[in-house]
């Protein structure tokens, strides 16, 4: 998290077809710094960790200490849930639940397909509920 500076750290593991959603979140939340575990080019507010030589355990640890997780419901998504991190989870469903499933206020899971606008709105809602804004951090931290 030291690489995030005073920004909030969000771990990403988002499939390529959802990149436009993350781009929209970056525009709306300049106080966030994204750390991408997937093979994706870095963005203005993000850093790619793919190919950085981190072991699976090190990447899991990053997910567990980040302020939030957005990505696939895989081992990283499970690590976020177990550590109580706010999370927006994608995929991994069996088709029985086409609608999002919430786990209290901590996580929302989209087991099936989700549109880019719906995903961006869900991420923004979750982040605003759990980690506030950079202005909040200046006041309280």
Protein backbone atom coordinates (compact mmCIF):
# COMPACT_ATOMS: atom_id res chain seq x y z
CA UNK A 1 0.00 0.00 0.00
CA UNK A 2 2.97 2.32 0.31
CA UNK A 3 2.94 2.62 -3.51
CA UNK A 4 -0.54 4.13 -3.26
CA UNK A 5 0.73 7.10 -1.26
CA UNK A 6 -2.28 8.85 0.27
CA UNK A 7 -4.64 7.25 -2.24
CA UNK A 8 -6.81 4.26 -1.43
CA UNK A 9 -5.48 0.96 -2.81
CA UNK A 10 -7.82 -1.17 -4.91
CA UNK A 11 -6.69 -4.57 -6.21
CA UNK A 12 -8.02 -5.48 -9.63
CA UNK A 13 -8.37 -8.83 -11.34
CA UNK A 14 -10.87 -7.83 -14.00
CA UNK A 15 -11.38 -9.64 -17.32
CA UNK A 16 -10.56 -7.63 -20.44
CA UNK A 17 -14.24 -7.21 -21.37
CA UNK A 18 -14.77 -5.17 -18.15
CA UNK A 19 -11.88 -2.71 -18.60
CA UNK A 20 -14.22 0.10 -19.70
CA UNK A 21 -15.96 -0.12 -16.31
CA UNK A 22 -12.68 0.38 -14.48
CA UNK A 23 -11.79 3.31 -16.75
CA UNK A 24 -15.08 4.95 -15.76
CA UNK A 25 -14.35 4.39 -12.06
CA UNK A 26 -10.87 5.90 -12.49
CA UNK A 27 -12.41 9.08 -13.88
CA UNK A 28 -14.98 9.34 -11.09
CA UNK A 29 -12.55 8.48 -8.26
CA UNK A 30 -9.13 10.10 -8.80
CA UNK A 31 -8.35 9.40 -5.13
CA UNK A 32 -7.93 5.69 -5.89
CA UNK A 33 -4.80 3.84 -6.97
CA UNK A 34 -5.34 0.54 -8.78
CA UNK A 35 -3.04 -2.46 -8.57
CA UNK A 36 -3.82 -4.88 -11.38
CA UNK A 37 -3.16 -8.60 -10.96
CA UNK A 38 -4.35 -9.45 -14.50
CA UNK A 39 -2.40 -9.07 -17.74
CA UNK A 40 -3.40 -5.52 -18.63
CA UNK A 41 -1.48 -2.40 -19.56
CA UNK A 42 -1.04 0.12 -16.74
CA UNK A 43 -3.38 3.11 -16.63
CA UNK A 44 -2.94 6.67 -15.39
CA UNK A 45 -4.16 5.66 -11.90
CA UNK A 46 -2.98 2.07 -11.99
CA UNK A 47 0.01 -0.18 -11.84
CA UNK A 48 0.22 -3.61 -13.40
CA UNK A 49 1.59 -6.27 -11.08
CA UNK A 50 1.30 -8.98 -13.72
CA UNK A 51 4.70 -10.41 -14.52
CA UNK A 52 6.33 -8.64 -11.58
CA UNK A 53 7.60 -11.90 -10.13
CA UNK A 54 5.23 -11.99 -7.16
CA UNK A 55 4.34 -15.44 -5.90
CA UNK A 56 0.74 -16.53 -5.46
CA UNK A 57 1.06 -16.01 -1.70
CA UNK A 58 2.39 -12.48 -2.17
CA UNK A 59 -0.48 -11.60 -4.52
CA UNK A 60 -2.99 -13.04 -2.05
CA UNK A 61 -1.43 -10.92 0.70
CA UNK A 62 -1.81 -7.81 -1.47
CA UNK A 63 -5.50 -8.53 -1.92
CA UNK A 64 -5.91 -8.99 1.83
CA UNK A 65 -4.32 -5.64 2.74
CA UNK A 66 -5.84 -3.53 -0.06
CA UNK A 67 -8.71 -1.20 0.76
CA UNK A 68 -10.94 -3.03 -1.75
CA UNK A 69 -10.96 -5.77 -4.40
CA UNK A 70 -12.68 -5.76 -7.79
CA UNK A 71 -12.37 -8.85 -9.93
CA UNK A 72 -12.95 -12.49 -10.57
CA UNK A 73 -14.44 -14.73 -7.91
CA UNK A 74 -11.35 -16.93 -7.77
CA UNK A 75 -8.67 -17.46 -5.12
CA UNK A 76 -8.14 -13.69 -4.98
CA UNK A 77 -11.85 -12.99 -4.57
CA UNK A 78 -12.02 -15.59 -1.81
CA UNK A 79 -9.03 -13.99 -0.07
CA UNK A 80 -10.81 -10.62 -0.15
CA UNK A 81 -13.96 -12.13 1.36
CA UNK A 82 -12.12 -14.05 4.07
CA UNK A 83 -10.21 -10.92 5.11
CA UNK A 84 -13.39 -8.83 5.16
CA UNK A 85 -12.33 -6.50 2.36
CA UNK A 86 -15.03 -4.72 0.36
CA UNK A 87 -15.30 -6.63 -2.91
CA UNK A 88 -17.11 -6.66 -6.22
CA UNK A 89 -16.84 -10.22 -7.53
CA UNK A 90 -17.32 -11.37 -11.10
CA UNK A 91 -18.18 -14.75 -12.58
CA UNK A 92 -17.89 -18.18 -11.10
CA UNK A 93 -21.63 -18.80 -11.08
CA UNK A 94 -23.39 -21.89 -12.33
CA UNK A 95 -26.23 -20.04 -14.06
CA UNK A 96 -28.76 -20.56 -11.25
CA UNK A 97 -28.51 -16.96 -10.00
CA UNK A 98 -28.55 -14.43 -12.83
CA UNK A 99 -28.92 -11.45 -10.49
CA UNK A 100 -26.26 -9.95 -8.21
CA UNK A 101 -25.92 -11.50 -4.77
CA UNK A 102 -24.94 -9.31 -1.82
CA UNK A 103 -23.01 -10.45 1.23
CA UNK A 104 -24.16 -7.81 3.65
CA UNK A 105 -22.57 -4.49 2.89
CA UNK A 106 -19.13 -5.99 2.29
CA UNK A 107 -19.47 -7.64 -1.10
CA UNK A 108 -21.58 -7.93 -4.19
CA UNK A 109 -21.23 -10.88 -6.54
CA UNK A 110 -22.24 -10.91 -10.20
CA UNK A 111 -22.30 -14.67 -10.93
CA UNK A 112 -23.32 -14.15 -14.55
CA UNK A 113 -22.89 -11.52 -17.21
CA UNK A 114 -22.86 -7.88 -16.12
CA UNK A 115 -22.92 -4.75 -18.27
CA UNK A 116 -20.17 -2.13 -18.00
CA UNK A 117 -22.46 0.58 -16.62
CA UNK A 118 -23.93 -1.75 -13.99
CA UNK A 119 -20.47 -2.87 -12.93
CA UNK A 120 -19.08 0.68 -12.70
CA UNK A 121 -22.09 1.78 -10.61
CA UNK A 122 -21.69 -1.21 -8.27
CA UNK A 123 -17.99 -0.49 -7.77
CA UNK A 124 -18.61 3.22 -7.11
CA UNK A 125 -21.40 2.41 -4.62
CA UNK A 126 -19.29 -0.10 -2.72
CA UNK A 127 -16.25 2.18 -2.60
CA UNK A 128 -18.20 5.21 -1.43
CA UNK A 129 -19.81 3.13 1.34
CA UNK A 130 -16.56 1.65 2.61
CA UNK A 131 -13.58 3.82 1.91
CA UNK A 132 -14.95 7.32 1.47
CA UNK A 133 -12.89 9.82 -0.49
CA UNK A 134 -9.44 11.36 -0.28
CA UNK A 135 -11.06 14.39 1.38
CA UNK A 136 -12.37 12.09 4.14
CA UNK A 137 -8.88 10.70 4.70
CA UNK A 138 -7.44 14.22 5.00
CA UNK A 139 -10.02 15.04 7.67
CA UNK A 140 -9.72 11.83 9.68
CA UNK A 141 -6.34 10.35 8.94
